[in-house]
Amino acid sequence: PHPHRGFETVTFALAGKVEHGDNQGNHGVIEPGDVQWMTAGQGILHKEYHETEFSKKDRILHMIQLWVDLPAEHKLTAPNYQAITRHQMGKYTSFDQDLELTVYAGEVKGVKGPAETFSPMNIYKVDIGKDRSEEFLEPTDRPFLMTALSDLSEVFVISGQPLDQPVIHAGPFVMTTREDVRQAGLDFRSGKFGDINF
């Protein structure tokens, strides 16, 4: 188990199975296509590991984890956990089926993602066929063009509204001042994050 404060961890499973548990009572296993969205907020203790049965077999694991900063006014929000399965994702398929979008957060081409966020952001995966070109519009209203050069291209697109705040981090804590980072360490060591034996 390890602590976090002040941000969110967003874990995408691409291959294999990842198991999660935390001292807020949340527990789950994410499989390929699933996302685990954990808000550390004021402080949480959690652990991530190979799912027990999976660890006895194939053991090939591919995942991506993002750390998403929380706006200063939400740094000490209550911890939260969103287990989002691949079946809950927003989906878009072009008429010719040469373009598929999986929307995790925000809205793309009129399709919304299921994740609840503290600031505007778009997170989605694009599967696009060779020589296909497609224009996308980000939250800043800046369009960009994507063209696939291989038989099948798979691209994660991540954008968000700038928070325009300092980012001060030390290990598992992301705050806006050095004093807040120091306080996070003191709070963790004094047991204010809760019981580490869960």
Protein backbone atom coordinates (compact mmCIF):
# COMPACT_ATOMS: atom_id res chain seq x y z
CA PRO A 1 0.00 0.00 0.00
CA HIS A 2 1.16 3.53 -0.76
CA PRO A 3 -0.34 7.01 -0.28
CA HIS A 4 -1.50 9.72 -2.69
CA ARG A 5 -2.87 13.23 -2.23
CA GLY A 6 -3.92 16.12 -4.46
CA PHE A 7 -4.50 14.47 -7.83
CA GLU A 8 -6.13 11.57 -9.67
CA THR A 9 -4.64 8.35 -11.05
CA VAL A 10 -6.20 7.17 -14.30
CA THR A 11 -5.19 3.62 -15.24
CA PHE A 12 -5.95 2.11 -18.66
CA ALA A 13 -5.63 -1.66 -19.03
CA LEU A 14 -4.50 -2.66 -22.53
CA ALA A 15 -3.47 -6.26 -21.87
CA GLY A 16 -3.65 -8.38 -18.73
CA LYS A 17 -5.51 -7.70 -15.51
CA VAL A 18 -4.80 -5.15 -12.79
CA GLU A 19 -6.29 -5.50 -9.33
CA HIS A 20 -6.87 -2.52 -7.06
CA GLY A 21 -7.71 -2.10 -3.38
CA ASP A 22 -7.78 0.93 -1.13
CA ASN A 23 -8.49 1.87 2.47
CA GLN A 24 -11.81 3.46 1.46
CA GLY A 25 -13.21 -0.02 0.83
CA ASN A 26 -12.93 0.07 -2.95
CA HIS A 27 -11.77 -3.06 -4.73
CA GLY A 28 -11.82 -4.09 -8.36
CA VAL A 29 -10.11 -5.75 -11.30
CA ILE A 30 -9.70 -3.98 -14.61
CA GLU A 31 -9.29 -5.94 -17.83
CA PRO A 32 -8.34 -4.82 -21.36
CA GLY A 33 -10.45 -1.82 -22.32
CA ASP A 34 -11.38 -0.94 -18.72
CA VAL A 35 -10.30 2.15 -16.77
CA GLN A 36 -9.72 2.71 -13.07
CA TRP A 37 -10.15 6.41 -12.16
CA MET A 38 -9.09 7.10 -8.59
CA THR A 39 -9.39 10.52 -6.97
CA ALA A 40 -6.80 10.71 -4.18
CA GLY A 41 -8.06 14.10 -3.02
CA GLN A 42 -7.31 14.72 0.66
CA GLY A 43 -5.51 11.40 0.97
CA ILE A 44 -5.87 7.72 0.19
CA LEU A 45 -3.87 4.55 0.63
CA HIS A 46 -4.09 2.04 -2.20
CA LYS A 47 -2.32 -0.82 -3.88
CA GLU A 48 -2.23 -2.09 -7.45
CA TYR A 49 -1.00 -5.51 -8.51
CA HIS A 50 -1.43 -8.34 -10.99
CA GLU A 51 -4.80 -10.01 -10.50
CA THR A 52 -4.21 -13.26 -8.59
CA GLU A 53 -5.27 -15.83 -11.20
CA PHE A 54 -3.78 -13.82 -14.07
CA SER A 55 -0.43 -13.71 -12.27
CA LYS A 56 -0.28 -17.53 -12.39
CA LYS A 57 -0.68 -17.64 -16.18
CA ASP A 58 0.29 -15.44 -19.11
CA ARG A 59 1.57 -12.43 -17.09
CA ILE A 60 1.83 -10.08 -20.09
CA LEU A 61 0.66 -6.72 -18.81
CA HIS A 62 0.31 -3.49 -20.78
CA MET A 63 -1.18 -0.48 -19.07
CA ILE A 64 -0.96 3.29 -19.09
CA GLN A 65 -1.35 5.40 -15.97
CA LEU A 66 -1.87 9.15 -16.04
CA TRP A 67 -1.63 11.50 -13.09
CA VAL A 68 -4.31 14.16 -13.53
CA ASP A 69 -3.85 17.27 -11.39
CA LEU A 70 -6.83 18.47 -9.38
CA PRO A 71 -7.76 22.17 -9.38
CA ALA A 72 -6.46 23.86 -6.22
CA GLU A 73 -9.96 24.21 -4.78
CA HIS A 74 -10.48 20.43 -5.07
CA LYS A 75 -7.09 19.24 -3.81
CA LEU A 76 -8.58 18.13 -0.49
CA THR A 77 -11.83 16.69 -1.83
CA ALA A 78 -13.01 13.34 -0.48
CA PRO A 79 -11.32 10.35 -2.13
CA ASN A 80 -13.32 8.59 -4.82
CA TYR A 81 -13.04 5.59 -7.12
CA GLN A 82 -14.60 5.10 -10.56
CA ALA A 83 -14.38 1.60 -12.03
CA ILE A 84 -15.36 2.05 -15.67
CA THR A 85 -15.71 -1.03 -17.88
CA ARG A 86 -15.15 -1.10 -21.63
CA HIS A 87 -18.90 -1.60 -22.08
CA GLN A 88 -19.61 1.79 -20.43
CA MET A 89 -17.31 3.78 -22.72
CA GLY A 90 -18.67 6.21 -25.26
CA LYS A 91 -18.36 4.70 -28.75
CA TYR A 92 -18.31 6.24 -32.20
CA THR A 93 -17.94 4.32 -35.48
CA SER A 94 -17.83 5.96 -38.88
CA PHE A 95 -20.23 4.84 -41.60
CA ASP A 96 -17.42 3.01 -43.44
CA GLN A 97 -16.18 1.54 -40.12
CA ASP A 98 -12.70 2.87 -40.86
CA LEU A 99 -12.72 5.06 -37.76
CA GLU A 100 -13.61 4.00 -34.23
CA LEU A 101 -13.46 6.18 -31.13
CA THR A 102 -13.53 5.06 -27.52
CA VAL A 103 -14.37 8.05 -25.32
CA TYR A 104 -13.32 7.83 -21.65
CA ALA A 105 -13.90 11.44 -20.59
CA GLY A 106 -15.31 14.57 -22.16
CA GLU A 107 -17.09 14.67 -25.50
CA VAL A 108 -15.87 13.90 -29.01
CA LYS A 109 -18.00 13.96 -32.18
CA GLY A 110 -21.12 14.19 -30.05
CA VAL A 111 -20.20 11.12 -27.96
CA LYS A 112 -19.67 11.53 -24.21
CA GLY A 113 -17.35 9.54 -21.99
CA PRO A 114 -18.52 8.15 -18.61
CA ALA A 115 -15.75 9.53 -16.36
CA GLU A 116 -16.64 12.36 -14.01
CA THR A 117 -13.89 14.99 -13.94
CA PHE A 118 -13.09 18.08 -11.87
CA SER A 119 -12.01 20.18 -14.87
CA PRO A 120 -12.91 20.01 -18.58
CA MET A 121 -10.92 17.37 -20.46
CA ASN A 122 -11.17 14.97 -23.36
CA ILE A 123 -9.57 11.55 -23.20
CA TYR A 124 -10.24 9.15 -26.03
CA LYS A 125 -8.68 6.43 -28.16
CA VAL A 126 -8.72 6.56 -31.94
CA ASP A 127 -8.55 3.42 -34.10
CA ILE A 128 -8.11 4.61 -37.67
CA GLY A 129 -7.58 2.73 -40.93
CA LYS A 130 -4.67 3.28 -43.32
CA ASP A 131 -4.71 6.50 -45.34
CA ARG A 132 -7.80 7.70 -43.48
CA SER A 133 -7.69 11.36 -42.44
CA GLU A 134 -9.96 12.78 -39.78
CA GLU A 135 -10.26 16.21 -38.18
CA PHE A 136 -10.78 16.54 -34.45
CA LEU A 137 -11.72 19.54 -32.34
CA GLU A 138 -10.23 19.92 -28.83
CA PRO A 139 -11.69 21.91 -25.87
CA THR A 140 -9.59 24.91 -26.91
CA ASP A 141 -11.49 24.86 -30.24
CA ARG A 142 -8.23 24.16 -32.05
CA PRO A 143 -8.79 21.56 -34.76
CA PHE A 144 -6.11 19.07 -35.72
CA LEU A 145 -5.88 16.53 -38.51
CA MET A 146 -4.96 12.89 -37.95
CA THR A 147 -3.86 10.69 -40.87
CA ALA A 148 -3.06 6.98 -40.46
CA LEU A 149 0.08 5.75 -42.21
CA SER A 150 -0.11 2.08 -41.22
CA ASP A 151 -2.77 -0.58 -41.70
CA LEU A 152 -4.24 0.19 -38.30
CA SER A 153 -3.20 3.04 -36.05
CA GLU A 154 -4.24 3.25 -32.41
CA VAL A 155 -3.76 6.66 -30.79
CA PHE A 156 -4.62 8.03 -27.35
CA VAL A 157 -5.65 11.69 -27.46
CA ILE A 158 -5.52 13.61 -24.18
CA SER A 159 -6.36 17.27 -23.73
CA GLY A 160 -7.71 19.49 -21.02
CA GLN A 161 -8.32 23.00 -19.83
CA PRO A 162 -5.09 24.46 -18.37
CA LEU A 163 -5.34 24.88 -14.61
CA ASP A 164 -2.82 27.74 -14.49
CA GLN A 165 -1.58 26.78 -11.03
CA PRO A 166 1.78 25.73 -9.61
CA VAL A 167 2.57 22.01 -9.60
CA ILE A 168 4.72 21.00 -6.65
CA HIS A 169 5.23 17.29 -6.15
CA ALA A 170 7.22 15.01 -3.91
CA GLY A 171 6.80 11.28 -4.41
CA PRO A 172 3.09 10.43 -4.24
CA PHE A 173 1.85 13.94 -3.43
CA VAL A 174 0.96 16.68 -5.96
CA MET A 175 0.07 20.05 -4.46
CA THR A 176 0.44 23.75 -5.29
CA THR A 177 2.91 24.78 -2.54
CA ARG A 178 5.93 23.19 -0.87
CA GLU A 179 4.23 23.65 2.50
CA ASP A 180 1.22 21.65 1.32
CA VAL A 181 3.50 18.84 0.12
CA ARG A 182 5.30 18.86 3.47
CA GLN A 183 1.95 18.75 5.28
CA ALA A 184 0.85 15.79 3.16
CA GLY A 185 3.93 13.86 4.30
CA LEU A 186 3.30 14.76 7.93
CA ASP A 187 -0.38 13.78 7.68
CA PHE A 188 0.50 10.44 6.10
CA ARG A 189 3.14 9.61 8.72
CA SER A 190 0.77 10.58 11.56
CA GLY A 191 -1.94 8.21 10.27
CA LYS A 192 -4.37 10.84 8.98
CA PHE A 193 -4.69 9.00 5.65
CA GLY A 194 -6.22 6.06 7.49
CA ASP A 195 -5.22 2.50 8.28
CA ILE A 196 -2.48 1.05 6.08
CA ASN A 197 -3.60 -2.49 6.96
CA PHE A 198 -6.58 -3.00 4.70
